[in-house]
Amino acid sequence: MRRRNMAYRIAVITLSDKGAAGERRDESGPLIRRITEEQGFEVVSAEILPDGIEPLKGRLIEICDQYTADLILTTGGTGFSERDLTPEATLEAAERLAPGISEAMRLESLKITKRAMLSRGVSVIRKRTLIINLPGSPKAVKENLECILPTLSHGLGILCGKESECGHPGK
């Protein structure tokens, strides 16, 4: 599995006002890096941005339009607080929706906690890059990645033109 995923580049973006100001240590971003690298993905960038629409929207567009990553995983900003605007920023950068991914994460998380229904994370596509919003807590990040990682390679292969819809190598 390691070699198969290594072809896919990941950008990790943590959304946190306190993290961006250096007032809080980011635990979820490094956890995403560790888990995805263990699965053979290549993390090409990891950064912390303040909460809000414009910083994230601009960065998502830049990464996707320059095609520097096949997958962007965000963490944080998916809750109900006034500054939790990650889904809104992501939707503004989106060209197409990929709702099944976020639905699967919420469904699996609901088996662990009823609070999973409060997650507002979305999954979208811009150009040839998949963007997935993960929750901010390390525990929820781990649970959500365990749910989606086994299936992502096929979806990324189709999106990047490396596989056809039926699983055969693409042209």
N, C-alpha and C. Protein backbone atom coordinates (compact mmCIF):
# COMPACT_ATOMS: atom_id res chain seq x y z
N MET A 1 0.83 -1.19 0.00
CA MET A 1 0.00 0.00 0.00
C MET A 1 0.87 1.26 0.00
N ARG A 2 2.01 1.21 0.62
CA ARG A 2 2.86 2.38 0.73
C ARG A 2 3.25 2.94 -0.64
N ARG A 3 3.68 2.11 -1.55
CA ARG A 3 4.09 2.59 -2.86
C ARG A 3 2.92 3.16 -3.65
N ARG A 4 1.78 2.52 -3.54
CA ARG A 4 0.62 2.97 -4.30
C ARG A 4 0.21 4.39 -3.91
N ASN A 5 0.24 4.72 -2.64
CA ASN A 5 -0.18 6.04 -2.18
C ASN A 5 0.90 7.09 -2.36
N MET A 6 2.17 6.68 -2.46
CA MET A 6 3.27 7.64 -2.52
C MET A 6 3.14 8.58 -3.70
N ALA A 7 2.41 8.18 -4.71
CA ALA A 7 2.24 9.04 -5.86
C ALA A 7 1.36 10.25 -5.54
N TYR A 8 0.67 10.23 -4.40
CA TYR A 8 -0.26 11.31 -4.08
C TYR A 8 0.34 12.28 -3.08
N ARG A 9 0.27 13.55 -3.44
CA ARG A 9 0.83 14.63 -2.63
C ARG A 9 -0.27 15.27 -1.78
N ILE A 10 0.05 15.51 -0.53
CA ILE A 10 -0.92 16.07 0.41
C ILE A 10 -0.43 17.39 0.98
N ALA A 11 -1.34 18.35 1.05
CA ALA A 11 -1.11 19.60 1.77
C ALA A 11 -1.99 19.55 3.02
N VAL A 12 -1.42 19.90 4.16
CA VAL A 12 -2.15 19.90 5.43
C VAL A 12 -2.27 21.35 5.88
N ILE A 13 -3.50 21.77 6.18
CA ILE A 13 -3.73 23.13 6.66
C ILE A 13 -4.52 23.07 7.96
N THR A 14 -3.92 23.60 9.01
CA THR A 14 -4.59 23.72 10.31
C THR A 14 -5.18 25.12 10.40
N LEU A 15 -6.45 25.20 10.81
CA LEU A 15 -7.11 26.49 11.00
C LEU A 15 -7.25 26.76 12.48
N SER A 16 -6.56 27.82 12.93
CA SER A 16 -6.60 28.15 14.35
C SER A 16 -6.04 29.55 14.55
N ASP A 17 -6.85 30.45 15.10
CA ASP A 17 -6.35 31.79 15.40
C ASP A 17 -5.19 31.72 16.39
N LYS A 18 -5.36 30.94 17.46
CA LYS A 18 -4.32 30.84 18.49
C LYS A 18 -3.09 30.11 17.96
N GLY A 19 -3.29 29.10 17.13
CA GLY A 19 -2.17 28.38 16.55
C GLY A 19 -1.36 29.27 15.62
N ALA A 20 -2.06 30.06 14.79
CA ALA A 20 -1.39 30.96 13.85
C ALA A 20 -0.62 32.05 14.59
N ALA A 21 -1.12 32.43 15.78
CA ALA A 21 -0.45 33.47 16.58
C ALA A 21 0.64 32.89 17.47
N GLY A 22 0.83 31.58 17.43
CA GLY A 22 1.85 30.95 18.27
C GLY A 22 1.44 30.79 19.72
N GLU A 23 0.15 30.89 20.00
CA GLU A 23 -0.35 30.80 21.37
C GLU A 23 -0.82 29.39 21.73
N ARG A 24 -0.91 28.51 20.75
CA ARG A 24 -1.35 27.14 20.98
C ARG A 24 -0.57 26.21 20.06
N ARG A 25 -0.15 25.09 20.61
CA ARG A 25 0.58 24.09 19.83
C ARG A 25 -0.40 23.29 18.97
N ASP A 26 -0.07 23.16 17.70
CA ASP A 26 -0.90 22.38 16.78
C ASP A 26 -0.60 20.90 16.98
N GLU A 27 -1.61 20.13 17.34
CA GLU A 27 -1.44 18.69 17.49
C GLU A 27 -2.07 17.94 16.31
N SER A 28 -3.12 18.48 15.74
CA SER A 28 -3.83 17.76 14.67
C SER A 28 -3.06 17.75 13.36
N GLY A 29 -2.46 18.85 12.98
CA GLY A 29 -1.69 18.90 11.73
C GLY A 29 -0.56 17.87 11.71
N PRO A 30 0.30 17.85 12.75
CA PRO A 30 1.36 16.83 12.78
C PRO A 30 0.81 15.41 12.82
N LEU A 31 -0.34 15.20 13.45
CA LEU A 31 -0.95 13.87 13.47
C LEU A 31 -1.38 13.46 12.06
N ILE A 32 -1.97 14.38 11.32
CA ILE A 32 -2.36 14.09 9.94
C ILE A 32 -1.12 13.71 9.14
N ARG A 33 -0.05 14.47 9.31
CA ARG A 33 1.19 14.17 8.59
C ARG A 33 1.67 12.76 8.91
N ARG A 34 1.72 12.44 10.20
CA ARG A 34 2.24 11.12 10.62
C ARG A 34 1.38 9.98 10.05
N ILE A 35 0.08 10.10 10.19
CA ILE A 35 -0.82 9.03 9.74
C ILE A 35 -0.74 8.86 8.22
N THR A 36 -0.78 9.96 7.49
CA THR A 36 -0.77 9.85 6.03
C THR A 36 0.58 9.37 5.51
N GLU A 37 1.65 9.82 6.12
CA GLU A 37 2.97 9.34 5.68
C GLU A 37 3.13 7.85 5.98
N GLU A 38 2.58 7.39 7.10
CA GLU A 38 2.62 5.95 7.40
C GLU A 38 1.86 5.15 6.36
N GLN A 39 0.88 5.77 5.73
CA GLN A 39 0.10 5.11 4.68
C GLN A 39 0.72 5.30 3.29
N GLY A 40 1.86 5.97 3.24
CA GLY A 40 2.58 6.10 1.99
C GLY A 40 2.30 7.35 1.19
N PHE A 41 1.53 8.28 1.72
CA PHE A 41 1.30 9.55 1.04
C PHE A 41 2.49 10.47 1.27
N GLU A 42 2.69 11.42 0.38
CA GLU A 42 3.77 12.39 0.53
C GLU A 42 3.19 13.73 0.97
N VAL A 43 3.54 14.19 2.15
CA VAL A 43 3.09 15.49 2.63
C VAL A 43 4.04 16.54 2.06
N VAL A 44 3.51 17.39 1.18
CA VAL A 44 4.35 18.39 0.51
C VAL A 44 4.32 19.74 1.21
N SER A 45 3.32 19.96 2.06
CA SER A 45 3.28 21.20 2.84
C SER A 45 2.38 21.02 4.05
N ALA A 46 2.70 21.76 5.09
CA ALA A 46 1.89 21.79 6.31
C ALA A 46 1.99 23.19 6.87
N GLU A 47 0.85 23.79 7.14
CA GLU A 47 0.85 25.17 7.61
C GLU A 47 -0.32 25.43 8.53
N ILE A 48 -0.23 26.52 9.25
CA ILE A 48 -1.30 26.96 10.14
C ILE A 48 -1.77 28.32 9.67
N LEU A 49 -3.07 28.45 9.49
CA LEU A 49 -3.67 29.72 9.10
C LEU A 49 -4.67 30.15 10.16
N PRO A 50 -4.91 31.46 10.28
CA PRO A 50 -5.95 31.90 11.21
C PRO A 50 -7.32 31.50 10.68
N ASP A 51 -8.28 31.38 11.58
CA ASP A 51 -9.66 31.11 11.17
C ASP A 51 -10.15 32.25 10.30
N GLY A 52 -11.19 31.99 9.55
CA GLY A 52 -11.75 33.01 8.67
C GLY A 52 -11.81 32.51 7.24
N ILE A 53 -12.59 33.18 6.43
CA ILE A 53 -12.81 32.72 5.06
C ILE A 53 -11.64 33.06 4.14
N GLU A 54 -11.24 34.30 4.08
CA GLU A 54 -10.29 34.73 3.05
C GLU A 54 -8.91 34.05 3.11
N PRO A 55 -8.28 33.93 4.29
CA PRO A 55 -6.96 33.28 4.27
C PRO A 55 -7.01 31.85 3.71
N LEU A 56 -8.00 31.07 4.13
CA LEU A 56 -8.10 29.69 3.69
C LEU A 56 -8.54 29.62 2.23
N LYS A 57 -9.56 30.36 1.87
CA LYS A 57 -10.04 30.34 0.48
C LYS A 57 -8.89 30.64 -0.48
N GLY A 58 -8.14 31.69 -0.20
CA GLY A 58 -7.03 32.07 -1.07
C GLY A 58 -5.97 30.98 -1.18
N ARG A 59 -5.66 30.36 -0.05
CA ARG A 59 -4.64 29.31 -0.05
C ARG A 59 -5.12 28.06 -0.79
N LEU A 60 -6.38 27.69 -0.59
CA LEU A 60 -6.94 26.53 -1.30
C LEU A 60 -6.89 26.75 -2.82
N ILE A 61 -7.30 27.91 -3.24
CA ILE A 61 -7.29 28.23 -4.68
C ILE A 61 -5.86 28.17 -5.22
N GLU A 62 -4.92 28.74 -4.49
CA GLU A 62 -3.53 28.74 -4.92
C GLU A 62 -2.98 27.32 -5.07
N ILE A 63 -3.18 26.48 -4.07
CA ILE A 63 -2.68 25.10 -4.13
C ILE A 63 -3.33 24.33 -5.27
N CYS A 64 -4.64 24.47 -5.42
CA CYS A 64 -5.35 23.73 -6.47
C CYS A 64 -5.00 24.23 -7.86
N ASP A 65 -4.99 25.53 -8.04
CA ASP A 65 -4.75 26.08 -9.38
C ASP A 65 -3.31 25.87 -9.83
N GLN A 66 -2.38 25.82 -8.89
CA GLN A 66 -0.99 25.52 -9.25
C GLN A 66 -0.72 24.02 -9.23
N TYR A 67 -1.71 23.25 -8.83
CA TYR A 67 -1.66 21.79 -8.73
C TYR A 67 -0.40 21.32 -8.00
N THR A 68 -0.23 21.85 -6.80
CA THR A 68 0.92 21.43 -5.98
C THR A 68 0.57 20.28 -5.05
N ALA A 69 -0.73 19.92 -4.96
CA ALA A 69 -1.16 18.79 -4.14
C ALA A 69 -2.36 18.12 -4.79
N ASP A 70 -2.43 16.80 -4.61
CA ASP A 70 -3.57 16.04 -5.09
C ASP A 70 -4.71 16.07 -4.07
N LEU A 71 -4.34 16.25 -2.81
CA LEU A 71 -5.28 16.21 -1.70
C LEU A 71 -4.90 17.28 -0.69
N ILE A 72 -5.89 18.04 -0.25
CA ILE A 72 -5.69 19.00 0.83
C ILE A 72 -6.56 18.54 2.00
N LEU A 73 -5.93 18.34 3.15
CA LEU A 73 -6.65 18.00 4.37
C LEU A 73 -6.58 19.19 5.30
N THR A 74 -7.74 19.74 5.63
CA THR A 74 -7.78 20.83 6.61
C THR A 74 -8.19 20.24 7.95
N THR A 75 -7.79 20.90 9.02
CA THR A 75 -8.22 20.49 10.36
C THR A 75 -8.57 21.74 11.14
N GLY A 76 -9.73 21.69 11.77
CA GLY A 76 -10.18 22.82 12.58
C GLY A 76 -11.19 23.69 11.84
N GLY A 77 -11.95 24.44 12.62
CA GLY A 77 -12.88 25.40 12.05
C GLY A 77 -14.16 24.81 11.50
N THR A 78 -14.53 23.60 11.94
CA THR A 78 -15.73 22.96 11.40
C THR A 78 -16.90 22.94 12.39
N GLY A 79 -16.73 23.59 13.51
CA GLY A 79 -17.76 23.56 14.54
C GLY A 79 -18.74 24.72 14.43
N PHE A 80 -19.34 25.08 15.56
CA PHE A 80 -20.40 26.08 15.59
C PHE A 80 -19.95 27.46 16.05
N SER A 81 -18.69 27.62 16.41
CA SER A 81 -18.27 28.93 16.91
C SER A 81 -18.30 29.95 15.78
N GLU A 82 -18.39 31.21 16.14
CA GLU A 82 -18.50 32.29 15.17
C GLU A 82 -17.32 32.32 14.20
N ARG A 83 -16.14 31.93 14.65
CA ARG A 83 -14.93 31.95 13.81
C ARG A 83 -14.72 30.64 13.04
N ASP A 84 -15.56 29.64 13.25
CA ASP A 84 -15.44 28.36 12.54
C ASP A 84 -16.03 28.52 11.13
N LEU A 85 -15.18 28.89 10.19
CA LEU A 85 -15.63 29.19 8.84
C LEU A 85 -14.93 28.34 7.77
N THR A 86 -14.32 27.24 8.20
CA THR A 86 -13.61 26.38 7.25
C THR A 86 -14.53 25.85 6.14
N PRO A 87 -15.73 25.34 6.46
CA PRO A 87 -16.60 24.85 5.37
C PRO A 87 -16.99 25.96 4.39
N GLU A 88 -17.25 27.14 4.90
CA GLU A 88 -17.62 28.25 4.01
C GLU A 88 -16.48 28.63 3.07
N ALA A 89 -15.26 28.70 3.60
CA ALA A 89 -14.10 29.00 2.77
C ALA A 89 -13.88 27.91 1.73
N THR A 90 -14.04 26.68 2.15
CA THR A 90 -13.85 25.54 1.25
C THR A 90 -14.88 25.56 0.13
N LEU A 91 -16.12 25.82 0.47
CA LEU A 91 -17.18 25.86 -0.54
C LEU A 91 -16.97 27.00 -1.53
N GLU A 92 -16.42 28.12 -1.06
CA GLU A 92 -16.14 29.23 -1.97
C GLU A 92 -15.03 28.89 -2.96
N ALA A 93 -14.13 28.00 -2.58
CA ALA A 93 -13.04 27.59 -3.47
C ALA A 93 -13.45 26.43 -4.38
N ALA A 94 -14.55 25.78 -4.07
CA ALA A 94 -14.96 24.54 -4.75
C ALA A 94 -15.48 24.76 -6.16
N GLU A 95 -15.24 23.74 -6.99
CA GLU A 95 -15.87 23.67 -8.30
C GLU A 95 -16.92 22.56 -8.33
N ARG A 96 -16.66 21.49 -7.56
CA ARG A 96 -17.59 20.37 -7.48
C ARG A 96 -17.64 19.86 -6.05
N LEU A 97 -18.74 19.26 -5.68
CA LEU A 97 -18.89 18.70 -4.34
C LEU A 97 -18.54 17.21 -4.34
N ALA A 98 -18.08 16.72 -3.21
CA ALA A 98 -17.83 15.29 -2.99
C ALA A 98 -18.42 14.92 -1.63
N PRO A 99 -19.75 15.05 -1.47
CA PRO A 99 -20.38 14.94 -0.16
C PRO A 99 -20.27 13.58 0.51
N GLY A 100 -20.11 12.52 -0.26
CA GLY A 100 -20.07 11.18 0.33
C GLY A 100 -18.94 10.99 1.32
N ILE A 101 -17.83 11.69 1.09
CA ILE A 101 -16.69 11.54 2.00
C ILE A 101 -17.04 12.09 3.38
N SER A 102 -17.56 13.30 3.42
CA SER A 102 -17.93 13.90 4.72
C SER A 102 -19.09 13.15 5.36
N GLU A 103 -20.02 12.67 4.54
CA GLU A 103 -21.13 11.88 5.09
C GLU A 103 -20.61 10.61 5.74
N ALA A 104 -19.65 9.95 5.09
CA ALA A 104 -19.08 8.72 5.65
C ALA A 104 -18.36 8.99 6.97
N MET A 105 -17.62 10.10 7.02
CA MET A 105 -16.91 10.44 8.25
C MET A 105 -17.90 10.70 9.39
N ARG A 106 -18.95 11.45 9.10
CA ARG A 106 -19.94 11.73 10.15
C ARG A 106 -20.65 10.46 10.59
N LEU A 107 -21.00 9.61 9.63
CA LEU A 107 -21.68 8.35 9.95
C LEU A 107 -20.81 7.48 10.86
N GLU A 108 -19.55 7.34 10.51
CA GLU A 108 -18.65 6.53 11.32
C GLU A 108 -18.44 7.17 12.70
N SER A 109 -18.29 8.49 12.73
CA SER A 109 -18.09 9.19 14.00
C SER A 109 -19.31 9.12 14.91
N LEU A 110 -20.50 9.06 14.32
CA LEU A 110 -21.72 8.95 15.12
C LEU A 110 -21.77 7.66 15.92
N LYS A 111 -21.04 6.65 15.46
CA LYS A 111 -20.96 5.39 16.20
C LYS A 111 -20.15 5.56 17.48
N ILE A 112 -19.36 6.62 17.54
CA ILE A 112 -18.48 6.88 18.69
C ILE A 112 -19.07 7.96 19.60
N THR A 113 -19.61 9.03 18.99
CA THR A 113 -20.19 10.12 19.77
C THR A 113 -21.32 10.79 19.01
N LYS A 114 -22.38 11.12 19.71
CA LYS A 114 -23.51 11.82 19.11
C LYS A 114 -23.12 13.24 18.68
N ARG A 115 -22.04 13.76 19.25
CA ARG A 115 -21.59 15.11 18.88
C ARG A 115 -21.09 15.19 17.45
N ALA A 116 -20.87 14.05 16.82
CA ALA A 116 -20.42 14.05 15.42
C ALA A 116 -21.42 14.76 14.52
N MET A 117 -22.68 14.77 14.90
CA MET A 117 -23.70 15.43 14.08
C MET A 117 -23.47 16.95 14.03
N LEU A 118 -22.62 17.46 14.90
CA LEU A 118 -22.35 18.89 14.93
C LEU A 118 -21.22 19.30 13.99
N SER A 119 -20.56 18.34 13.38
CA SER A 119 -19.49 18.65 12.44
C SER A 119 -20.08 19.21 11.15
N ARG A 120 -19.52 20.31 10.70
CA ARG A 120 -20.00 20.95 9.47
C ARG A 120 -19.02 20.77 8.31
N GLY A 121 -18.02 19.92 8.48
CA GLY A 121 -16.99 19.74 7.45
C GLY A 121 -17.57 19.31 6.12
N VAL A 122 -16.92 19.75 5.04
CA VAL A 122 -17.32 19.41 3.68
C VAL A 122 -16.15 18.79 2.93
N SER A 123 -16.45 18.17 1.81
CA SER A 123 -15.45 17.62 0.91
C SER A 123 -15.78 18.10 -0.48
N VAL A 124 -14.78 18.63 -1.18
CA VAL A 124 -15.02 19.23 -2.49
C VAL A 124 -13.84 18.94 -3.43
N ILE A 125 -14.04 19.31 -4.68
CA ILE A 125 -13.00 19.19 -5.69
C ILE A 125 -12.82 20.55 -6.35
N ARG A 126 -11.59 20.93 -6.54
CA ARG A 126 -11.25 22.10 -7.36
C ARG A 126 -10.16 21.64 -8.31
N LYS A 127 -10.41 21.81 -9.58
CA LYS A 127 -9.50 21.33 -10.63
C LYS A 127 -9.26 19.83 -10.43
N ARG A 128 -8.00 19.45 -10.16
CA ARG A 128 -7.67 18.03 -9.94
C ARG A 128 -7.25 17.76 -8.50
N THR A 129 -7.74 18.59 -7.58
CA THR A 129 -7.38 18.44 -6.17
C THR A 129 -8.64 18.21 -5.34
N LEU A 130 -8.57 17.22 -4.47
CA LEU A 130 -9.64 16.92 -3.52
C LEU A 130 -9.34 17.64 -2.22
N ILE A 131 -10.34 18.29 -1.65
CA ILE A 131 -10.20 19.03 -0.40
C ILE A 131 -11.16 18.41 0.61
N ILE A 132 -10.64 18.02 1.78
CA ILE A 132 -11.47 17.41 2.82
C ILE A 132 -11.25 18.16 4.12
N ASN A 133 -12.36 18.60 4.73
CA ASN A 133 -12.30 19.23 6.05
C ASN A 133 -12.38 18.17 7.13
N LEU A 134 -11.38 18.11 7.98
CA LEU A 134 -11.39 17.22 9.15
C LEU A 134 -11.68 18.06 10.39
N PRO A 135 -12.19 17.43 11.44
CA PRO A 135 -12.39 18.15 12.70
C PRO A 135 -11.05 18.64 13.27
N GLY A 136 -11.12 19.41 14.34
CA GLY A 136 -9.90 19.96 14.93
C GLY A 136 -9.27 19.10 16.01
N SER A 137 -10.01 18.22 16.63
CA SER A 137 -9.44 17.44 17.73
C SER A 137 -8.61 16.27 17.20
N PRO A 138 -7.46 16.00 17.80
CA PRO A 138 -6.62 14.88 17.34
C PRO A 138 -7.37 13.55 17.35
N LYS A 139 -8.20 13.31 18.35
CA LYS A 139 -8.95 12.05 18.43
C LYS A 139 -9.88 11.91 17.22
N ALA A 140 -10.60 12.97 16.90
CA ALA A 140 -11.52 12.94 15.77
C ALA A 140 -10.77 12.86 14.44
N VAL A 141 -9.62 13.52 14.35
CA VAL A 141 -8.79 13.44 13.14
C VAL A 141 -8.41 11.98 12.87
N LYS A 142 -7.92 11.31 13.89
CA LYS A 142 -7.50 9.91 13.75
C LYS A 142 -8.67 9.03 13.31
N GLU A 143 -9.81 9.19 13.98
CA GLU A 143 -10.99 8.38 13.65
C GLU A 143 -11.46 8.63 12.22
N ASN A 144 -11.46 9.88 11.80
CA ASN A 144 -11.92 10.21 10.45
C ASN A 144 -10.95 9.72 9.39
N LEU A 145 -9.66 9.84 9.63
CA LEU A 145 -8.69 9.35 8.66
C LEU A 145 -8.77 7.83 8.52
N GLU A 146 -8.98 7.14 9.64
CA GLU A 146 -9.13 5.68 9.58
C GLU A 146 -10.33 5.30 8.72
N CYS A 147 -11.34 6.12 8.71
CA CYS A 147 -12.55 5.86 7.92
C CYS A 147 -12.29 6.07 6.43
N ILE A 148 -11.61 7.13 6.06
CA ILE A 148 -11.53 7.50 4.64
C ILE A 148 -10.27 7.05 3.90
N LEU A 149 -9.16 6.91 4.59
CA LEU A 149 -7.90 6.61 3.89
C LEU A 149 -7.93 5.33 3.04
N PRO A 150 -8.56 4.26 3.50
CA PRO A 150 -8.55 3.05 2.67
C PRO A 150 -9.19 3.22 1.29
N THR A 151 -10.07 4.19 1.14
CA THR A 151 -10.79 4.38 -0.12
C THR A 151 -10.24 5.54 -0.95
N LEU A 152 -9.51 6.44 -0.33
CA LEU A 152 -9.08 7.65 -1.03
C LEU A 152 -8.19 7.40 -2.23
N SER A 153 -7.33 6.40 -2.19
CA SER A 153 -6.42 6.16 -3.31
C SER A 153 -7.18 5.97 -4.62
N HIS A 154 -8.27 5.23 -4.57
CA HIS A 154 -9.05 5.01 -5.80
C HIS A 154 -9.64 6.33 -6.31
N GLY A 155 -10.23 7.10 -5.41
CA GLY A 155 -10.81 8.38 -5.81
C GLY A 155 -9.76 9.35 -6.34
N LEU A 156 -8.62 9.40 -5.68
CA LEU A 156 -7.54 10.28 -6.15
C LEU A 156 -7.01 9.80 -7.49
N GLY A 157 -6.94 8.49 -7.68
CA GLY A 157 -6.48 7.95 -8.96
C GLY A 157 -7.37 8.37 -10.11
N ILE A 158 -8.66 8.36 -9.88
CA ILE A 158 -9.62 8.80 -10.90
C ILE A 158 -9.47 10.30 -11.13
N LEU A 159 -9.44 11.07 -10.07
CA LEU A 159 -9.34 12.53 -10.17
C LEU A 159 -8.07 12.96 -10.89
N CYS A 160 -6.97 12.29 -10.61
CA CYS A 160 -5.67 12.65 -11.18
C CYS A 160 -5.43 12.00 -12.54
N GLY A 161 -6.36 11.16 -13.00
CA GLY A 161 -6.22 10.52 -14.29
C GLY A 161 -5.32 9.30 -14.30
N LYS A 162 -5.02 8.75 -13.13
CA LYS A 162 -4.16 7.58 -13.04
C LYS A 162 -4.97 6.28 -13.07
N GLU A 163 -6.28 6.37 -12.83
CA GLU A 163 -7.17 5.20 -12.87
C GLU A 163 -8.45 5.61 -13.58
N SER A 164 -9.12 4.64 -14.16
CA SER A 164 -10.43 4.91 -14.74
C SER A 164 -11.48 4.62 -13.68
N GLU A 165 -12.71 4.96 -13.97
CA GLU A 165 -13.81 4.75 -13.03
C GLU A 165 -13.92 3.30 -12.57
N CYS A 166 -13.60 2.35 -13.45
CA CYS A 166 -13.78 0.95 -13.11
C CYS A 166 -12.53 0.36 -12.44
N GLY A 167 -11.54 1.19 -12.16
CA GLY A 167 -10.37 0.71 -11.42
C GLY A 167 -9.22 0.28 -12.29
N HIS A 168 -9.37 0.36 -13.62
CA HIS A 168 -8.27 0.01 -14.51
C HIS A 168 -7.40 1.24 -14.73
N PRO A 169 -6.11 1.07 -15.00
CA PRO A 169 -5.25 2.24 -15.24
C PRO A 169 -5.84 3.15 -16.29
N GLY A 170 -5.74 4.45 -16.02
CA GLY A 170 -6.26 5.45 -16.95
C GLY A 170 -5.33 5.63 -18.13
N LYS A 171 -5.76 6.47 -19.04
CA LYS A 171 -4.97 6.71 -20.26
C LYS A 171 -3.90 7.72 -20.00
